[in-house]
Amino acid sequence: MRYVYTIIVYLLLPFILLYFWRKNRKNPEALKFWHERLGIRLRPVPQNGIWIVAVSVGESIAATPLIKEIQQRYPHIPIVVTGTTIGGADRILANLGNRVTQLYSPYDLPVVLRKFFDTLKPRLLILMEKELWPNLLAECRKNNVPVVVANARLSERSARSYKRILSITREMLSSTLVLAQTPADAERFIDLGVARDRVCITGSIKFDLELPVQLTERAKPLRETWGKNRLIWIAASTHEGEEEQILEAFIQVRKQLPNVLLVSIPRHIERAACLQKLYQRHAFQVSKHSESRVYAGTTDIFIGDTMGELFLFYAAADLAFVGGSLVKKGGQNLLEPAAVGLPILTGPFTFNFELITEQLKQRGIAIQVNNPEELAEQVIALLSNPHQRQKMADNAKIFVKENKGSLVKHVELIEPFLN
């Protein structure tokens, strides 16, 4: 079955490359290392290290504390991180600099993977969350490289997809150690063929996130620039099709709270120019962070279009809506605003963070909204009630603190592969 999959990938490769070029042709930086994904002209890398696959921004965020903890205990072991998006690569560079080697992930083709394995000669492969690739894992078995799926999560939707190719899935997972976020994730992996004794429940590394140093102090000047007496609503990590709904809600909010500033942070910052046009078509005054000028008195919508500053924006806000949840993307990480201490609004599509979302809702930290009307209603209610916002904020910080500790469990379970 895997051989059929491989033939299909080979046949699709020209179309994949064409799509990649069309998507990024106006972004030279994204095309700079396209050849690495084909195993061509790989940058110099240290051998006999740990290879970590962190596909995009979310996985890169989760990988960062794990990498730092491993390096603290095993400073002599080199680490190579591969991903598929420029955003993820930028986040690794911003968080870790030259402490790791960053490459772009190879396409899941044997001829490409052999070049990667010959170059890296890794002692361990760590896949963040659920990036399972048949040929990559087959190459690991061939080269006797152990595999750990760290911070593993598997929604019911994803599990159903893997069941459709169950023979490939069982082969992939046959000798893999899975460090699952929740009991439900663990059972789904076991149902797909992972031996029960090779699945450990560790919780989510994302609870062990590190807030930037002096975050509160650094956020104060930004807050003053936005307007000391303004109420700040941040809509973060939003996707296409979502900003239109947020804009509809914002128009309703401004009718009752005319002094509210909307801080709009797209999941992919290259969409910032499109958002600016969208907002300006509705006669709103828009400023972008990259332009380094914010006219607090006249700006209606502020667009965060720089990498690595989401925590700063959260720390300067009063209320957060977390995107990917009003459209069927599965939601983004609610723990980031929770760790900062913000009340949270989220849409109905949160299957990527199902348990965490439910826990936040049960603790009164997050509120689900299903459409622009409900979003506007909750934004107005919360921005009009500082006491409730403070209660939600306090509960959020307590919740994150109570659930820390996954990082230590991860490293203890990975250590046998490193000694």
Protein backbone atom coordinates (compact mmCIF):
# COMPACT_ATOMS: atom_id res chain seq x y z
CA MET A 1 0.00 0.00 0.00
CA ARG A 2 2.87 2.38 0.82
CA TYR A 3 4.31 1.81 -2.64
CA VAL A 4 1.06 2.96 -4.24
CA TYR A 5 1.19 6.05 -2.03
CA THR A 6 4.79 6.69 -3.12
CA ILE A 7 3.93 6.43 -6.83
CA ILE A 8 1.07 8.90 -6.33
CA VAL A 9 3.38 11.38 -4.58
CA TYR A 10 5.94 11.09 -7.39
CA LEU A 11 3.22 11.76 -9.97
CA LEU A 12 1.89 14.73 -8.00
CA LEU A 13 5.29 16.30 -7.33
CA PRO A 14 5.33 18.58 -10.44
CA PHE A 15 1.92 19.93 -9.47
CA ILE A 16 3.02 20.35 -5.84
CA LEU A 17 6.04 22.36 -6.96
CA LEU A 18 3.91 24.47 -9.30
CA TYR A 19 1.43 25.19 -6.50
CA PHE A 20 4.29 26.09 -4.15
CA TRP A 21 5.74 28.51 -6.72
CA ARG A 22 2.37 30.16 -7.48
CA LYS A 23 1.60 30.55 -3.79
CA ASN A 24 4.96 32.15 -2.99
CA ARG A 25 6.05 33.82 -6.23
CA LYS A 26 5.61 37.28 -4.68
CA ASN A 27 7.53 36.27 -1.57
CA PRO A 28 11.19 35.61 -2.54
CA GLU A 29 12.10 34.64 1.02
CA ALA A 30 9.69 31.68 0.91
CA LEU A 31 11.30 30.44 -2.33
CA LYS A 32 14.86 30.87 -1.10
CA PHE A 33 15.35 27.29 0.10
CA TRP A 34 12.86 25.42 -2.09
CA HIS A 35 15.62 23.03 -3.19
CA GLU A 36 16.08 21.71 0.36
CA ARG A 37 12.68 20.05 0.24
CA LEU A 38 14.04 18.01 -2.69
CA GLY A 39 17.23 17.14 -0.82
CA ILE A 40 19.31 19.37 -3.10
CA ARG A 41 22.12 21.64 -1.83
CA LEU A 42 21.37 21.09 1.84
CA ARG A 43 23.01 23.58 4.16
CA PRO A 44 25.81 22.16 6.36
CA VAL A 45 24.36 20.27 9.29
CA PRO A 46 25.83 18.49 12.31
CA GLN A 47 25.49 14.71 12.32
CA ASN A 48 24.41 12.22 14.99
CA GLY A 49 21.99 14.70 16.49
CA ILE A 50 18.27 14.96 17.11
CA TRP A 51 16.03 15.69 14.14
CA ILE A 52 12.86 17.53 15.13
CA VAL A 53 10.01 18.00 12.63
CA ALA A 54 7.98 21.09 13.56
CA VAL A 55 5.88 21.78 10.49
CA SER A 56 4.52 25.29 11.06
CA VAL A 57 4.25 28.06 13.64
CA GLY A 58 2.16 26.14 16.20
CA GLU A 59 4.50 23.15 16.24
CA SER A 60 7.53 25.46 16.37
CA ILE A 61 6.11 27.14 19.47
CA ALA A 62 5.55 23.76 21.12
CA ALA A 63 9.01 22.53 20.13
CA THR A 64 10.89 25.54 21.54
CA PRO A 65 10.69 24.74 25.29
CA LEU A 66 11.40 21.06 24.57
CA ILE A 67 14.52 21.98 22.62
CA LYS A 68 15.73 24.34 25.35
CA GLU A 69 15.23 21.68 28.04
CA ILE A 70 17.05 19.01 26.01
CA GLN A 71 19.93 21.38 25.31
CA GLN A 72 20.23 22.26 28.98
CA ARG A 73 20.63 18.57 29.86
CA TYR A 74 22.54 17.46 26.76
CA PRO A 75 24.43 20.48 25.43
CA HIS A 76 26.77 18.26 23.37
CA ILE A 77 23.96 16.81 21.20
CA PRO A 78 23.19 18.92 18.10
CA ILE A 79 19.59 19.55 17.07
CA VAL A 80 18.26 20.02 13.53
CA VAL A 81 14.74 21.42 13.12
CA THR A 82 12.81 21.09 9.86
CA GLY A 83 9.51 22.68 8.90
CA THR A 84 7.43 23.51 5.85
CA THR A 85 6.47 27.17 6.37
CA ILE A 86 8.49 30.36 6.47
CA GLY A 87 6.51 31.40 9.54
CA GLY A 88 7.61 28.31 11.44
CA ALA A 89 11.22 28.79 10.33
CA ASP A 90 11.15 32.43 11.44
CA ARG A 91 9.76 31.44 14.83
CA ILE A 92 12.55 28.88 15.36
CA LEU A 93 15.14 31.47 14.34
CA ALA A 94 13.63 34.11 16.64
CA ASN A 95 13.39 31.76 19.63
CA LEU A 96 16.60 29.77 19.26
CA GLY A 97 18.90 31.58 16.85
CA ASN A 98 22.03 29.58 16.07
CA ARG A 99 21.44 27.14 18.94
CA VAL A 100 19.86 24.82 16.36
CA THR A 101 20.23 24.16 12.64
CA GLN A 102 17.07 24.98 10.68
CA LEU A 103 16.19 23.32 7.35
CA TYR A 104 13.03 22.88 5.32
CA SER A 105 11.38 19.46 5.58
CA PRO A 106 11.92 16.99 2.75
CA TYR A 107 9.10 15.77 0.57
CA ASP A 108 8.00 12.30 1.61
CA LEU A 109 9.81 10.51 -1.20
CA PRO A 110 12.45 7.78 -0.71
CA VAL A 111 15.04 9.34 -3.02
CA VAL A 112 14.78 12.68 -1.17
CA LEU A 113 14.71 11.14 2.29
CA ARG A 114 17.81 9.04 1.63
CA LYS A 115 19.75 12.26 0.97
CA PHE A 116 18.50 13.73 4.26
CA PHE A 117 19.40 10.62 6.25
CA ASP A 118 22.83 10.38 4.61
CA THR A 119 23.47 14.03 5.47
CA LEU A 120 22.01 14.15 9.00
CA LYS A 121 22.62 10.58 10.23
CA PRO A 122 20.21 11.33 13.11
CA ARG A 123 20.19 9.38 16.37
CA LEU A 124 16.52 10.25 17.06
CA LEU A 125 13.55 11.66 15.16
CA ILE A 126 10.97 13.71 17.11
CA LEU A 127 7.71 14.52 15.33
CA MET A 128 5.74 17.35 16.91
CA GLU A 129 2.03 16.66 17.47
CA LYS A 130 0.94 14.41 14.58
CA GLU A 131 3.08 14.82 11.49
CA LEU A 132 3.11 11.20 10.32
CA TRP A 133 4.69 10.52 6.93
CA PRO A 134 4.84 6.91 5.64
CA ASN A 135 8.18 7.04 3.82
CA LEU A 136 9.87 9.15 6.50
CA LEU A 137 8.98 6.59 9.16
CA ALA A 138 9.93 3.70 6.86
CA GLU A 139 13.35 5.30 6.36
CA CYS A 140 13.69 5.57 10.15
CA ARG A 141 13.04 1.82 10.49
CA LYS A 142 15.54 1.10 7.73
CA ASN A 143 18.21 3.20 9.48
CA ASN A 144 17.32 2.03 13.02
CA VAL A 145 16.41 5.57 14.06
CA PRO A 146 13.91 5.62 16.96
CA VAL A 147 10.83 7.83 16.56
CA VAL A 148 8.97 9.83 19.20
CA VAL A 149 5.71 11.67 18.51
CA ALA A 150 5.92 14.49 21.06
CA ASN A 151 2.99 16.53 22.38
CA ALA A 152 0.88 14.12 20.32
CA ARG A 153 -2.70 14.98 19.54
CA LEU A 154 -5.20 13.26 17.29
CA SER A 155 -8.71 14.55 16.81
CA GLU A 156 -11.58 12.22 15.96
CA ARG A 157 -11.62 13.75 12.51
CA SER A 158 -7.92 12.98 11.91
CA ALA A 159 -8.28 9.50 13.37
CA ARG A 160 -11.04 8.73 10.87
CA SER A 161 -8.77 9.86 8.04
CA TYR A 162 -5.93 7.62 9.20
CA LYS A 163 -8.31 4.68 9.52
CA ARG A 164 -9.05 4.93 5.81
CA ILE A 165 -5.43 3.95 5.18
CA LEU A 166 -5.13 1.66 8.20
CA SER A 167 -2.51 -0.67 6.73
CA ILE A 168 -0.17 2.31 6.08
CA THR A 169 -0.98 3.82 9.47
CA ARG A 170 -0.18 0.62 11.37
CA GLU A 171 3.10 0.27 9.52
CA MET A 172 4.00 3.89 10.33
CA LEU A 173 3.21 3.59 14.03
CA SER A 174 4.50 0.05 14.61
CA SER A 175 7.64 1.07 16.52
CA THR A 176 6.81 4.65 17.49
CA LEU A 177 6.71 6.06 21.03
CA VAL A 178 3.69 8.35 21.40
CA LEU A 179 3.64 11.02 24.12
CA ALA A 180 -0.05 11.93 24.07
CA GLN A 181 -1.55 15.14 25.37
CA THR A 182 -4.75 13.56 26.73
CA PRO A 183 -6.26 10.13 27.48
CA ALA A 184 -8.56 10.58 24.46
CA ASP A 185 -5.56 11.23 22.18
CA ALA A 186 -3.83 8.16 23.62
CA GLU A 187 -6.81 5.89 22.93
CA ARG A 188 -7.07 7.12 19.35
CA PHE A 189 -3.43 6.27 18.70
CA ILE A 190 -3.88 2.84 20.30
CA ASP A 191 -6.95 2.28 18.13
CA LEU A 192 -4.74 2.94 15.09
CA GLY A 193 -2.32 0.20 16.08
CA VAL A 194 0.18 1.67 18.55
CA ALA A 195 0.98 -0.81 21.32
CA ARG A 196 -0.50 0.34 24.62
CA ASP A 197 2.88 0.15 26.35
CA ARG A 198 4.29 2.59 23.78
CA VAL A 199 1.76 5.32 24.54
CA CYS A 200 2.29 7.66 27.51
CA ILE A 201 -0.03 10.45 28.63
CA THR A 202 2.09 13.52 29.34
CA GLY A 203 -0.25 16.50 29.01
CA SER A 204 0.48 19.38 26.65
CA ILE A 205 3.87 21.06 26.42
CA LYS A 206 2.02 24.23 25.50
CA PHE A 207 1.16 24.72 29.17
CA ASP A 208 4.91 25.07 29.80
CA LEU A 209 5.25 28.07 27.52
CA GLU A 210 7.64 30.80 28.60
CA LEU A 211 6.37 34.35 28.54
CA PRO A 212 8.85 36.88 27.14
CA VAL A 213 11.01 38.62 29.71
CA GLN A 214 9.47 41.80 31.21
CA LEU A 215 6.39 41.36 29.05
CA THR A 216 4.13 43.59 31.15
CA GLU A 217 6.66 46.43 31.18
CA ARG A 218 7.24 46.13 27.42
CA ALA A 219 3.49 46.17 26.74
CA LYS A 220 2.87 49.44 28.59
CA PRO A 221 4.31 51.78 25.91
CA LEU A 222 2.36 49.94 23.22
CA ARG A 223 -0.84 50.27 25.24
CA GLU A 224 -0.22 53.98 25.69
CA THR A 225 0.37 54.36 21.97
CA TRP A 226 -2.91 52.59 21.22
CA GLY A 227 -4.63 54.89 23.66
CA LYS A 228 -4.56 54.70 27.45
CA ASN A 229 -8.30 55.13 27.84
CA ARG A 230 -9.35 52.94 24.92
CA LEU A 231 -10.72 49.42 25.21
CA ILE A 232 -8.61 46.98 23.19
CA TRP A 233 -10.09 43.89 21.52
CA ILE A 234 -7.57 41.62 19.82
CA ALA A 235 -8.64 39.11 17.16
CA ALA A 236 -5.59 36.85 16.81
CA SER A 237 -4.45 34.06 14.49
CA THR A 238 -7.39 34.60 12.15
CA HIS A 239 -7.87 32.89 8.79
CA GLU A 240 -9.39 33.81 5.46
CA GLY A 241 -13.18 33.95 5.72
CA GLU A 242 -12.95 34.83 9.40
CA GLU A 243 -11.96 38.49 9.27
CA GLU A 244 -15.15 39.36 7.40
CA GLN A 245 -17.15 37.95 10.32
CA ILE A 246 -14.97 39.80 12.82
CA LEU A 247 -15.44 43.02 10.87
CA GLU A 248 -19.20 42.53 10.91
CA ALA A 249 -19.06 42.09 14.69
CA PHE A 250 -16.74 45.10 15.09
CA ILE A 251 -19.20 47.36 13.25
CA GLN A 252 -21.87 46.32 15.78
CA VAL A 253 -19.49 46.80 18.72
CA ARG A 254 -18.56 50.33 17.65
CA LYS A 255 -22.21 51.37 17.65
CA GLN A 256 -22.31 50.84 21.43
CA LEU A 257 -18.64 51.27 22.32
CA PRO A 258 -17.27 53.80 19.83
CA ASN A 259 -13.86 54.02 21.45
CA VAL A 260 -12.91 50.34 20.98
CA LEU A 261 -9.72 49.61 19.02
CA LEU A 262 -9.62 46.33 17.08
CA VAL A 263 -6.19 44.70 16.91
CA SER A 264 -6.24 42.30 13.95
CA ILE A 265 -3.52 39.62 13.82
CA PRO A 266 -3.77 37.27 10.83
CA ARG A 267 -2.45 33.74 11.21
CA HIS A 268 -0.33 34.30 8.11
CA ILE A 269 1.16 37.78 8.15
CA GLU A 270 1.50 37.91 4.36
CA ARG A 271 -2.29 38.48 4.32
CA ALA A 272 -1.92 41.81 6.13
CA ALA A 273 -2.19 43.88 2.95
CA CYS A 274 -5.46 42.15 1.99
CA LEU A 275 -6.87 42.84 5.44
CA GLN A 276 -5.88 46.48 5.22
CA LYS A 277 -7.84 46.82 1.97
CA LEU A 278 -10.82 44.99 3.47
CA TYR A 279 -10.99 47.32 6.47
CA GLN A 280 -10.38 50.46 4.43
CA ARG A 281 -13.24 49.55 2.07
CA HIS A 282 -15.49 49.99 5.10
CA ALA A 283 -14.01 53.46 5.75
CA PHE A 284 -11.99 52.47 8.82
CA GLN A 285 -8.67 54.11 9.62
CA VAL A 286 -6.03 51.35 9.61
CA SER A 287 -2.45 51.24 10.89
CA LYS A 288 0.09 48.44 10.50
CA HIS A 289 2.68 47.64 13.14
CA SER A 290 5.44 47.30 10.56
CA GLU A 291 4.95 50.92 9.59
CA SER A 292 5.91 51.97 13.12
CA ARG A 293 3.30 54.67 13.34
CA VAL A 294 0.03 54.31 15.20
CA TYR A 295 -2.27 57.28 15.49
CA ALA A 296 -4.22 56.24 18.55
CA GLY A 297 -6.78 58.98 18.31
CA THR A 298 -7.87 58.20 14.77
CA THR A 299 -6.91 54.56 14.21
CA ASP A 300 -9.88 52.20 14.23
CA ILE A 301 -8.06 48.96 13.42
CA PHE A 302 -4.45 48.08 14.11
CA ILE A 303 -2.94 45.21 12.08
CA GLY A 304 -0.15 43.19 13.66
CA ASP A 305 1.96 42.17 10.68
CA THR A 306 5.26 41.26 12.35
CA MET A 307 6.53 37.89 13.56
CA GLY A 308 7.12 36.94 17.17
CA GLU A 309 5.18 39.72 18.88
CA LEU A 310 1.83 38.08 19.55
CA PHE A 311 2.47 37.88 23.29
CA LEU A 312 3.24 41.61 23.32
CA PHE A 313 -0.05 42.36 21.58
CA TYR A 314 -1.95 40.09 23.99
CA ALA A 315 -0.34 41.79 27.00
CA ALA A 316 -1.52 45.20 25.79
CA ALA A 317 -5.13 44.09 25.17
CA ASP A 318 -8.30 43.73 27.28
CA LEU A 319 -10.01 40.84 25.48
CA ALA A 320 -8.96 38.17 22.98
CA PHE A 321 -10.76 36.31 20.24
CA VAL A 322 -8.66 33.37 19.02
CA GLY A 323 -9.10 32.52 15.35
CA GLY A 324 -9.29 29.43 13.23
CA SER A 325 -12.50 28.74 15.09
CA LEU A 326 -15.20 30.64 13.17
CA VAL A 327 -14.08 28.72 10.08
CA LYS A 328 -13.34 25.00 9.97
CA LYS A 329 -9.62 25.20 10.74
CA GLY A 330 -9.85 23.60 14.17
CA GLY A 331 -8.84 26.62 16.21
CA GLN A 332 -5.49 28.03 17.32
CA ASN A 333 -3.74 27.98 20.69
CA LEU A 334 -5.95 29.37 23.47
CA LEU A 335 -3.23 28.91 26.07
CA GLU A 336 -1.22 31.90 24.84
CA PRO A 337 -3.81 34.53 25.83
CA ALA A 338 -4.67 32.45 28.92
CA ALA A 339 -1.04 32.54 30.10
CA VAL A 340 -0.99 36.32 29.66
CA GLY A 341 -4.23 36.57 31.62
CA LEU A 342 -6.89 37.52 29.10
CA PRO A 343 -10.55 36.55 28.91
CA ILE A 344 -11.03 34.54 25.72
CA LEU A 345 -13.66 34.21 23.02
CA THR A 346 -13.58 31.35 20.53
CA GLY A 347 -15.73 30.03 17.72
CA PRO A 348 -17.30 26.55 17.50
CA PHE A 349 -14.57 24.85 15.43
CA THR A 350 -11.89 23.98 17.99
CA PHE A 351 -11.18 20.30 17.28
CA ASN A 352 -7.40 20.90 17.29
CA PHE A 353 -7.61 21.94 20.95
CA GLU A 354 -10.77 20.10 21.95
CA LEU A 355 -10.00 19.20 25.57
CA ILE A 356 -8.20 22.45 26.43
CA THR A 357 -11.08 24.47 24.97
CA GLU A 358 -13.64 22.53 27.00
CA GLN A 359 -11.59 22.96 30.18
CA LEU A 360 -11.29 26.70 29.60
CA LYS A 361 -15.02 26.97 29.00
CA GLN A 362 -15.84 24.97 32.13
CA ARG A 363 -13.56 27.19 34.22
CA GLY A 364 -15.27 30.32 32.88
CA ILE A 365 -12.13 31.50 31.09
CA ALA A 366 -13.35 31.08 27.50
CA ILE A 367 -16.75 31.70 25.94
CA GLN A 368 -17.88 30.13 22.69
CA VAL A 369 -19.56 32.25 20.04
CA ASN A 370 -21.09 30.80 16.89
CA ASN A 371 -21.55 33.77 14.56
CA PRO A 372 -20.78 37.50 14.22
CA GLU A 373 -23.90 38.49 16.17
CA GLU A 374 -22.89 36.40 19.20
CA LEU A 375 -19.31 37.62 18.89
CA ALA A 376 -20.42 41.26 18.98
CA GLU A 377 -22.73 40.56 21.90
CA GLN A 378 -19.97 38.97 24.01
CA VAL A 379 -17.38 41.61 23.13
CA ILE A 380 -19.77 44.36 24.22
CA ALA A 381 -20.70 42.50 27.40
CA LEU A 382 -17.13 41.79 28.47
CA LEU A 383 -15.64 45.14 27.55
CA SER A 384 -18.47 46.75 29.56
CA ASN A 385 -17.71 44.60 32.63
CA PRO A 386 -14.14 45.02 33.96
CA HIS A 387 -14.95 42.93 37.05
CA GLN A 388 -15.86 39.88 34.98
CA ARG A 389 -12.82 40.37 32.75
CA GLN A 390 -10.54 40.43 35.77
CA LYS A 391 -12.12 37.28 37.21
CA MET A 392 -11.65 35.44 33.89
CA ALA A 393 -8.06 36.72 33.64
CA ASP A 394 -7.17 35.51 37.16
CA ASN A 395 -8.70 32.09 36.49
CA ALA A 396 -6.77 31.84 33.23
CA LYS A 397 -3.39 32.32 34.91
CA ILE A 398 -4.27 29.81 37.63
CA PHE A 399 -5.41 27.22 35.05
CA VAL A 400 -2.16 27.43 33.08
CA LYS A 401 -0.05 27.22 36.24
CA GLU A 402 -1.96 24.15 37.48
CA ASN A 403 -1.28 22.22 34.27
CA LYS A 404 2.44 22.81 33.89
CA GLY A 405 4.83 19.86 34.06
CA SER A 406 4.45 18.15 30.69
CA LEU A 407 7.89 19.31 29.60
CA VAL A 408 9.69 17.42 32.35
CA LYS A 409 7.71 14.24 31.56
CA HIS A 410 8.64 14.55 27.89
CA VAL A 411 12.35 14.88 28.53
CA GLU A 412 12.39 11.99 31.02
CA LEU A 413 10.76 9.71 28.42
CA ILE A 414 13.09 10.89 25.64
CA GLU A 415 16.28 10.58 27.70
CA PRO A 416 16.75 6.79 27.20
CA PHE A 417 17.29 7.49 23.48
CA LEU A 418 20.00 10.05 24.24
CA ASN A 419 22.23 8.18 26.69
